[in-house]
Amino acid sequence: MSNSDSHHSSPLQHHFADMGQQKEAGLLGMWLFLVTEVMFFGGLFTAYIVYRTLYPKAFLGGSHHLDVALGATNTILLIASSLTMALAVYNAQKGSRGRLILFLVLTLVLGAAFLGIKSVEYHHKYVEHLIPGPTFQFPADGHPQQAQLFFSLYFAMTGMHALHMVIGIGILATLIGMAARNRFSTAYYSPVEISGLYWHFVDIVWIFLFPLLYLIDRFVQ
């Protein structure tokens, strides 16, 4: 199949004047979406900070039941995935299809590894009866009701982040398929760039979640 055959349909949508306008519209749409995401996660962060201020001892005890090593490993994985995603965008701009696919696959693998480790953490909490609900168990002197609030916020925050990771992996799989069909070129790579913004945002959210949940309370006396 010739290169012209692989690009038989123009990526320019009929309601845009040119490719530049289409790219700018896509970027603007993603930035507006990310603003709403900042407000959403900001609400969760605010709730955590308020209750941590009210119940510092219970939140300290809850934080000590989190595995710092697994959390740190996941942090490293996501930082690495931000690098591979940036390299994917760079190679999309350069028109290097093979390297674009390679770095998209690496980003997907790193994201999947993150979710695998997070599932291990969740399993540990299940075994230790630290999932909020009727089976929740915590030492009586550790303020169990308040500690249950900590784990409720932990699962809400990390669970929503994990959901965003799952969506991101789905996007990466779609991009890999598009790249394999030679849908991108030096003139059209905006889906990769826009998806990169989303992936970096999800990574940044974790950069805040890790110290907030795993580290800060460990230094409270």
C-alpha atoms as a PDB file:
ATOM      1  CA  MET A   1       0.000   0.000   0.000  1.00  0.00           C
ATOM      2  CA  SER A   2       1.416   3.375  -0.948  1.00  0.00           C
ATOM      3  CA  ASN A   3       1.802   6.254   1.479  1.00  0.00           C
ATOM      4  CA  SER A   4      -0.905   8.170  -0.374  1.00  0.00           C
ATOM      5  CA  ASP A   5      -3.305   5.280   0.082  1.00  0.00           C
ATOM      6  CA  SER A   6      -2.673   5.222   3.827  1.00  0.00           C
ATOM      7  CA  HIS A   7      -3.692   8.883   3.996  1.00  0.00           C
ATOM      8  CA  HIS A   8      -6.689   8.666   1.649  1.00  0.00           C
ATOM      9  CA  SER A   9      -8.896  10.495   4.128  1.00  0.00           C
ATOM     10  CA  SER A  10      -7.917  13.929   5.379  1.00  0.00           C
ATOM     11  CA  PRO A  11      -7.677  14.333   9.175  1.00  0.00           C
ATOM     12  CA  LEU A  12      -9.170  17.839   8.821  1.00  0.00           C
ATOM     13  CA  GLN A  13     -12.762  17.892  10.063  1.00  0.00           C
ATOM     14  CA  HIS A  14     -15.253  19.766   7.896  1.00  0.00           C
ATOM     15  CA  HIS A  15     -16.146  22.334  10.572  1.00  0.00           C
ATOM     16  CA  PHE A  16     -12.571  23.677  10.839  1.00  0.00           C
ATOM     17  CA  ALA A  17     -10.969  26.098   8.411  1.00  0.00           C
ATOM     18  CA  ASP A  18      -7.534  24.474   8.563  1.00  0.00           C
ATOM     19  CA  MET A  19      -5.377  22.075  10.563  1.00  0.00           C
ATOM     20  CA  GLY A  20      -4.041  24.838  12.783  1.00  0.00           C
ATOM     21  CA  GLN A  21      -7.522  25.842  13.882  1.00  0.00           C
ATOM     22  CA  GLN A  22      -8.459  22.208  14.490  1.00  0.00           C
ATOM     23  CA  LYS A  23      -5.375  21.670  16.663  1.00  0.00           C
ATOM     24  CA  GLU A  24      -5.960  24.811  18.695  1.00  0.00           C
ATOM     25  CA  ALA A  25      -9.590  23.847  19.278  1.00  0.00           C
ATOM     26  CA  GLY A  26      -8.545  20.405  20.489  1.00  0.00           C
ATOM     27  CA  LEU A  27      -5.919  21.828  22.844  1.00  0.00           C
ATOM     28  CA  LEU A  28      -8.365  24.393  24.208  1.00  0.00           C
ATOM     29  CA  GLY A  29     -10.952  21.679  24.803  1.00  0.00           C
ATOM     30  CA  MET A  30      -8.451  19.555  26.716  1.00  0.00           C
ATOM     31  CA  TRP A  31      -7.285  22.490  28.844  1.00  0.00           C
ATOM     32  CA  LEU A  32     -10.893  23.344  29.729  1.00  0.00           C
ATOM     33  CA  PHE A  33     -11.492  19.710  30.663  1.00  0.00           C
ATOM     34  CA  LEU A  34      -8.377  19.687  32.838  1.00  0.00           C
ATOM     35  CA  VAL A  35      -9.599  22.821  34.637  1.00  0.00           C
ATOM     36  CA  THR A  36     -12.750  20.918  35.654  1.00  0.00           C
ATOM     37  CA  GLU A  37     -10.562  18.018  36.780  1.00  0.00           C
ATOM     38  CA  VAL A  38      -8.456  20.354  38.915  1.00  0.00           C
ATOM     39  CA  MET A  39     -11.630  21.562  40.623  1.00  0.00           C
ATOM     40  CA  PHE A  40     -12.817  17.977  41.160  1.00  0.00           C
ATOM     41  CA  PHE A  41      -9.577  16.718  42.698  1.00  0.00           C
ATOM     42  CA  GLY A  42      -9.180  20.023  44.508  1.00  0.00           C
ATOM     43  CA  GLY A  43     -12.407  19.269  46.363  1.00  0.00           C
ATOM     44  CA  LEU A  44     -11.061  15.887  47.441  1.00  0.00           C
ATOM     45  CA  PHE A  45      -7.751  17.406  48.531  1.00  0.00           C
ATOM     46  CA  THR A  46      -9.585  20.068  50.506  1.00  0.00           C
ATOM     47  CA  ALA A  47     -11.744  17.475  52.269  1.00  0.00           C
ATOM     48  CA  TYR A  48      -8.641  15.482  53.175  1.00  0.00           C
ATOM     49  CA  ILE A  49      -6.792  18.511  54.551  1.00  0.00           C
ATOM     50  CA  VAL A  50      -9.795  19.638  56.604  1.00  0.00           C
ATOM     51  CA  TYR A  51     -10.348  16.235  58.224  1.00  0.00           C
ATOM     52  CA  ARG A  52      -6.645  15.633  58.706  1.00  0.00           C
ATOM     53  CA  THR A  53      -6.527  18.911  60.633  1.00  0.00           C
ATOM     54  CA  LEU A  54      -9.499  17.834  62.746  1.00  0.00           C
ATOM     55  CA  TYR A  55      -8.310  14.262  63.407  1.00  0.00           C
ATOM     56  CA  PRO A  56      -4.483  14.260  63.159  1.00  0.00           C
ATOM     57  CA  LYS A  57      -3.879  11.185  65.356  1.00  0.00           C
ATOM     58  CA  ALA A  58      -6.367   8.984  63.492  1.00  0.00           C
ATOM     59  CA  PHE A  59      -4.990  10.081  60.119  1.00  0.00           C
ATOM     60  CA  LEU A  60      -1.455   9.454  61.349  1.00  0.00           C
ATOM     61  CA  GLY A  61      -2.439   5.921  62.347  1.00  0.00           C
ATOM     62  CA  GLY A  62      -4.178   5.320  59.034  1.00  0.00           C
ATOM     63  CA  SER A  63      -1.192   6.600  57.070  1.00  0.00           C
ATOM     64  CA  HIS A  64       1.066   4.113  58.884  1.00  0.00           C
ATOM     65  CA  HIS A  65      -0.991   1.285  57.359  1.00  0.00           C
ATOM     66  CA  LEU A  66      -0.047   2.381  53.824  1.00  0.00           C
ATOM     67  CA  ASP A  67       2.919   0.762  52.095  1.00  0.00           C
ATOM     68  CA  VAL A  68       5.420   3.543  51.358  1.00  0.00           C
ATOM     69  CA  ALA A  69       7.612   1.245  49.246  1.00  0.00           C
ATOM     70  CA  LEU A  70       4.744   0.380  46.897  1.00  0.00           C
ATOM     71  CA  GLY A  71       3.649   4.008  46.771  1.00  0.00           C
ATOM     72  CA  ALA A  72       7.185   5.155  45.972  1.00  0.00           C
ATOM     73  CA  THR A  73       7.512   2.492  43.268  1.00  0.00           C
ATOM     74  CA  ASN A  74       4.300   3.719  41.677  1.00  0.00           C
ATOM     75  CA  THR A  75       5.609   7.278  41.822  1.00  0.00           C
ATOM     76  CA  ILE A  76       8.735   6.233  39.942  1.00  0.00           C
ATOM     77  CA  LEU A  77       6.637   4.375  37.372  1.00  0.00           C
ATOM     78  CA  LEU A  78       4.478   7.419  36.682  1.00  0.00           C
ATOM     79  CA  ILE A  79       7.439   9.783  36.438  1.00  0.00           C
ATOM     80  CA  ALA A  80       8.978   7.380  33.923  1.00  0.00           C
ATOM     81  CA  SER A  81       5.674   7.215  32.033  1.00  0.00           C
ATOM     82  CA  SER A  82       5.608  11.017  31.762  1.00  0.00           C
ATOM     83  CA  LEU A  83       9.045  10.822  30.132  1.00  0.00           C
ATOM     84  CA  THR A  84       7.981   8.126  27.660  1.00  0.00           C
ATOM     85  CA  MET A  85       4.793  10.069  26.861  1.00  0.00           C
ATOM     86  CA  ALA A  86       6.823  13.211  26.185  1.00  0.00           C
ATOM     87  CA  LEU A  87       9.098  11.173  23.900  1.00  0.00           C
ATOM     88  CA  ALA A  88       6.031   9.800  22.128  1.00  0.00           C
ATOM     89  CA  VAL A  89       4.818  13.342  21.427  1.00  0.00           C
ATOM     90  CA  TYR A  90       8.294  14.344  20.234  1.00  0.00           C
ATOM     91  CA  ASN A  91       8.509  11.429  17.813  1.00  0.00           C
ATOM     92  CA  ALA A  92       4.976  12.109  16.592  1.00  0.00           C
ATOM     93  CA  GLN A  93       6.080  15.647  15.747  1.00  0.00           C
ATOM     94  CA  LYS A  94       9.121  14.260  13.919  1.00  0.00           C
ATOM     95  CA  GLY A  95       7.045  11.713  12.021  1.00  0.00           C
ATOM     96  CA  SER A  96       8.953   8.731  13.457  1.00  0.00           C
ATOM     97  CA  ARG A  97       6.182   6.144  13.474  1.00  0.00           C
ATOM     98  CA  GLY A  98       8.252   3.272  14.880  1.00  0.00           C
ATOM     99  CA  ARG A  99       9.526   5.247  17.864  1.00  0.00           C
ATOM    100  CA  LEU A 100       6.107   6.780  18.412  1.00  0.00           C
ATOM    101  CA  ILE A 101       4.591   3.313  18.754  1.00  0.00           C
ATOM    102  CA  LEU A 102       7.483   2.177  20.971  1.00  0.00           C
ATOM    103  CA  PHE A 103       7.085   5.016  23.446  1.00  0.00           C
ATOM    104  CA  LEU A 104       3.297   4.754  23.474  1.00  0.00           C
ATOM    105  CA  VAL A 105       3.610   1.045  24.279  1.00  0.00           C
ATOM    106  CA  LEU A 106       6.154   1.779  27.022  1.00  0.00           C
ATOM    107  CA  THR A 107       3.812   4.389  28.509  1.00  0.00           C
ATOM    108  CA  LEU A 108       0.948   1.908  28.444  1.00  0.00           C
ATOM    109  CA  VAL A 109       3.071  -0.793  30.098  1.00  0.00           C
ATOM    110  CA  LEU A 110       4.188   1.591  32.853  1.00  0.00           C
ATOM    111  CA  GLY A 111       0.588   2.647  33.441  1.00  0.00           C
ATOM    112  CA  ALA A 112      -0.553  -0.960  33.600  1.00  0.00           C
ATOM    113  CA  ALA A 113       2.242  -1.731  36.081  1.00  0.00           C
ATOM    114  CA  PHE A 114       1.031   1.157  38.237  1.00  0.00           C
ATOM    115  CA  LEU A 115      -2.492  -0.276  38.285  1.00  0.00           C
ATOM    116  CA  GLY A 116      -1.128  -3.728  39.080  1.00  0.00           C
ATOM    117  CA  ILE A 117       0.722  -2.433  42.123  1.00  0.00           C
ATOM    118  CA  LYS A 118      -2.295  -0.417  43.196  1.00  0.00           C
ATOM    119  CA  SER A 119      -4.450  -3.568  43.008  1.00  0.00           C
ATOM    120  CA  VAL A 120      -1.917  -5.302  45.280  1.00  0.00           C
ATOM    121  CA  GLU A 121      -2.264  -2.441  47.767  1.00  0.00           C
ATOM    122  CA  TYR A 122      -6.039  -2.669  47.641  1.00  0.00           C
ATOM    123  CA  HIS A 123      -5.846  -6.423  48.251  1.00  0.00           C
ATOM    124  CA  HIS A 124      -3.669  -5.822  51.301  1.00  0.00           C
ATOM    125  CA  LYS A 125      -6.267  -3.430  52.686  1.00  0.00           C
ATOM    126  CA  TYR A 126      -8.979  -6.041  52.079  1.00  0.00           C
ATOM    127  CA  VAL A 127      -6.995  -8.713  53.911  1.00  0.00           C
ATOM    128  CA  GLU A 128      -6.279  -6.327  56.794  1.00  0.00           C
ATOM    129  CA  HIS A 129      -9.988  -5.361  57.029  1.00  0.00           C
ATOM    130  CA  LEU A 130      -9.219  -1.726  56.319  1.00  0.00           C
ATOM    131  CA  ILE A 131     -11.916  -1.205  53.702  1.00  0.00           C
ATOM    132  CA  PRO A 132     -14.559   1.183  55.115  1.00  0.00           C
ATOM    133  CA  GLY A 133     -17.785  -0.583  55.948  1.00  0.00           C
ATOM    134  CA  PRO A 134     -19.204  -3.154  58.370  1.00  0.00           C
ATOM    135  CA  THR A 135     -16.030  -5.299  58.264  1.00  0.00           C
ATOM    136  CA  PHE A 136     -13.647  -2.412  58.995  1.00  0.00           C
ATOM    137  CA  GLN A 137     -11.269  -3.178  61.873  1.00  0.00           C
ATOM    138  CA  PHE A 138      -8.878  -0.789  63.579  1.00  0.00           C
ATOM    139  CA  PRO A 139      -7.320  -0.697  67.077  1.00  0.00           C
ATOM    140  CA  ALA A 140      -9.706   0.810  69.631  1.00  0.00           C
ATOM    141  CA  ASP A 141      -7.038   3.249  70.805  1.00  0.00           C
ATOM    142  CA  GLY A 142      -6.483   4.407  67.228  1.00  0.00           C
ATOM    143  CA  HIS A 143      -9.831   6.208  66.887  1.00  0.00           C
ATOM    144  CA  PRO A 144     -11.387   3.653  64.491  1.00  0.00           C
ATOM    145  CA  GLN A 145     -14.293   5.838  63.343  1.00  0.00           C
ATOM    146  CA  GLN A 146     -11.966   8.670  62.410  1.00  0.00           C
ATOM    147  CA  ALA A 147      -9.479   6.245  60.881  1.00  0.00           C
ATOM    148  CA  GLN A 148     -12.295   4.856  58.745  1.00  0.00           C
ATOM    149  CA  LEU A 149     -12.763   8.388  57.436  1.00  0.00           C
ATOM    150  CA  PHE A 150      -9.087   8.423  56.439  1.00  0.00           C
ATOM    151  CA  PHE A 151      -9.466   5.197  54.472  1.00  0.00           C
ATOM    152  CA  SER A 152     -12.694   6.439  52.897  1.00  0.00           C
ATOM    153  CA  LEU A 153     -10.785   9.419  51.538  1.00  0.00           C
ATOM    154  CA  TYR A 154      -7.842   7.194  50.598  1.00  0.00           C
ATOM    155  CA  PHE A 155     -10.009   4.911  48.479  1.00  0.00           C
ATOM    156  CA  ALA A 156     -11.974   7.822  47.001  1.00  0.00           C
ATOM    157  CA  MET A 157      -8.863   9.716  45.964  1.00  0.00           C
ATOM    158  CA  THR A 158      -6.732   6.815  44.768  1.00  0.00           C
ATOM    159  CA  GLY A 159      -9.756   5.101  43.230  1.00  0.00           C
ATOM    160  CA  MET A 160     -10.655   8.143  41.127  1.00  0.00           C
ATOM    161  CA  HIS A 161      -7.027   8.471  40.132  1.00  0.00           C
ATOM    162  CA  ALA A 162      -6.926   4.788  39.138  1.00  0.00           C
ATOM    163  CA  LEU A 163     -10.081   5.291  37.052  1.00  0.00           C
ATOM    164  CA  HIS A 164      -8.350   8.120  35.205  1.00  0.00           C
ATOM    165  CA  MET A 165      -5.395   5.801  34.646  1.00  0.00           C
ATOM    166  CA  VAL A 166      -7.675   3.157  33.128  1.00  0.00           C
ATOM    167  CA  ILE A 167      -9.142   5.759  30.782  1.00  0.00           C
ATOM    168  CA  GLY A 168      -5.632   6.909  29.903  1.00  0.00           C
ATOM    169  CA  ILE A 169      -4.567   3.362  29.067  1.00  0.00           C
ATOM    170  CA  GLY A 170      -7.591   3.054  26.800  1.00  0.00           C
ATOM    171  CA  ILE A 171      -6.555   6.271  25.044  1.00  0.00           C
ATOM    172  CA  LEU A 172      -3.004   4.968  24.650  1.00  0.00           C
ATOM    173  CA  ALA A 173      -4.275   1.734  23.118  1.00  0.00           C
ATOM    174  CA  THR A 174      -6.325   3.775  20.634  1.00  0.00           C
ATOM    175  CA  LEU A 175      -3.308   5.913  19.729  1.00  0.00           C
ATOM    176  CA  ILE A 176      -1.168   2.817  19.218  1.00  0.00           C
ATOM    177  CA  GLY A 177      -3.776   1.444  16.830  1.00  0.00           C
ATOM    178  CA  MET A 178      -3.932   4.735  14.938  1.00  0.00           C
ATOM    179  CA  ALA A 179      -0.142   4.937  14.734  1.00  0.00           C
ATOM    180  CA  ALA A 180       0.047   1.338  13.475  1.00  0.00           C
ATOM    181  CA  ARG A 181      -2.350   2.332  10.670  1.00  0.00           C
ATOM    182  CA  ASN A 182      -0.076   5.281   9.850  1.00  0.00           C
ATOM    183  CA  ARG A 183      -2.714   7.845  10.786  1.00  0.00           C
ATOM    184  CA  PHE A 184      -0.194  10.394  12.092  1.00  0.00           C
ATOM    185  CA  SER A 185       2.316  12.569  10.286  1.00  0.00           C
ATOM    186  CA  THR A 186       4.395  15.682  10.860  1.00  0.00           C
ATOM    187  CA  ALA A 187       1.330  17.661   9.791  1.00  0.00           C
ATOM    188  CA  TYR A 188      -1.140  15.784  12.011  1.00  0.00           C
ATOM    189  CA  TYR A 189      -0.219  14.533  15.459  1.00  0.00           C
ATOM    190  CA  SER A 190      -2.552  16.565  17.672  1.00  0.00           C
ATOM    191  CA  PRO A 191      -4.331  13.502  19.180  1.00  0.00           C
ATOM    192  CA  VAL A 192      -0.983  12.370  20.618  1.00  0.00           C
ATOM    193  CA  GLU A 193      -0.174  15.850  21.938  1.00  0.00           C
ATOM    194  CA  ILE A 194      -3.623  16.337  23.473  1.00  0.00           C
ATOM    195  CA  SER A 195      -3.558  12.883  25.048  1.00  0.00           C
ATOM    196  CA  GLY A 196      -0.129  13.705  26.438  1.00  0.00           C
ATOM    197  CA  LEU A 197      -1.627  16.638  28.352  1.00  0.00           C
ATOM    198  CA  TYR A 198      -4.170  14.313  29.928  1.00  0.00           C
ATOM    199  CA  TRP A 199      -1.521  11.744  30.876  1.00  0.00           C
ATOM    200  CA  HIS A 200       0.761  14.352  32.428  1.00  0.00           C
ATOM    201  CA  PHE A 201      -2.157  15.723  34.441  1.00  0.00           C
ATOM    202  CA  VAL A 202      -2.941  12.276  35.853  1.00  0.00           C
ATOM    203  CA  ASP A 203       0.731  11.858  36.745  1.00  0.00           C
ATOM    204  CA  ILE A 204       0.800  15.241  38.507  1.00  0.00           C
ATOM    205  CA  VAL A 205      -2.267  14.306  40.562  1.00  0.00           C
ATOM    206  CA  TRP A 206      -0.379  11.276  41.887  1.00  0.00           C
ATOM    207  CA  ILE A 207       2.653  13.426  42.692  1.00  0.00           C
ATOM    208  CA  PHE A 208       0.364  15.263  45.132  1.00  0.00           C
ATOM    209  CA  LEU A 209      -1.453  12.154  46.358  1.00  0.00           C
ATOM    210  CA  PHE A 210       1.676  10.230  47.303  1.00  0.00           C
ATOM    211  CA  PRO A 211       3.085  12.651  49.906  1.00  0.00           C
ATOM    212  CA  LEU A 212      -0.367  13.723  51.080  1.00  0.00           C
ATOM    213  CA  LEU A 213      -1.483  10.170  51.881  1.00  0.00           C
ATOM    214  CA  TYR A 214       1.743   8.246  52.441  1.00  0.00           C
ATOM    215  CA  LEU A 215       4.312  10.688  53.805  1.00  0.00           C
ATOM    216  CA  ILE A 216       3.059  13.866  55.452  1.00  0.00           C
ATOM    217  CA  ASP A 217       1.310  12.254  58.414  1.00  0.00           C
ATOM    218  CA  ARG A 218       4.368  10.125  59.174  1.00  0.00           C
ATOM    219  CA  PHE A 219       6.223  13.233  60.278  1.00  0.00           C
ATOM    220  CA  VAL A 220       3.479  14.394  62.635  1.00  0.00           C
ATOM    221  CA  GLN A 221       4.419  13.876  66.258  1.00  0.00           C
END
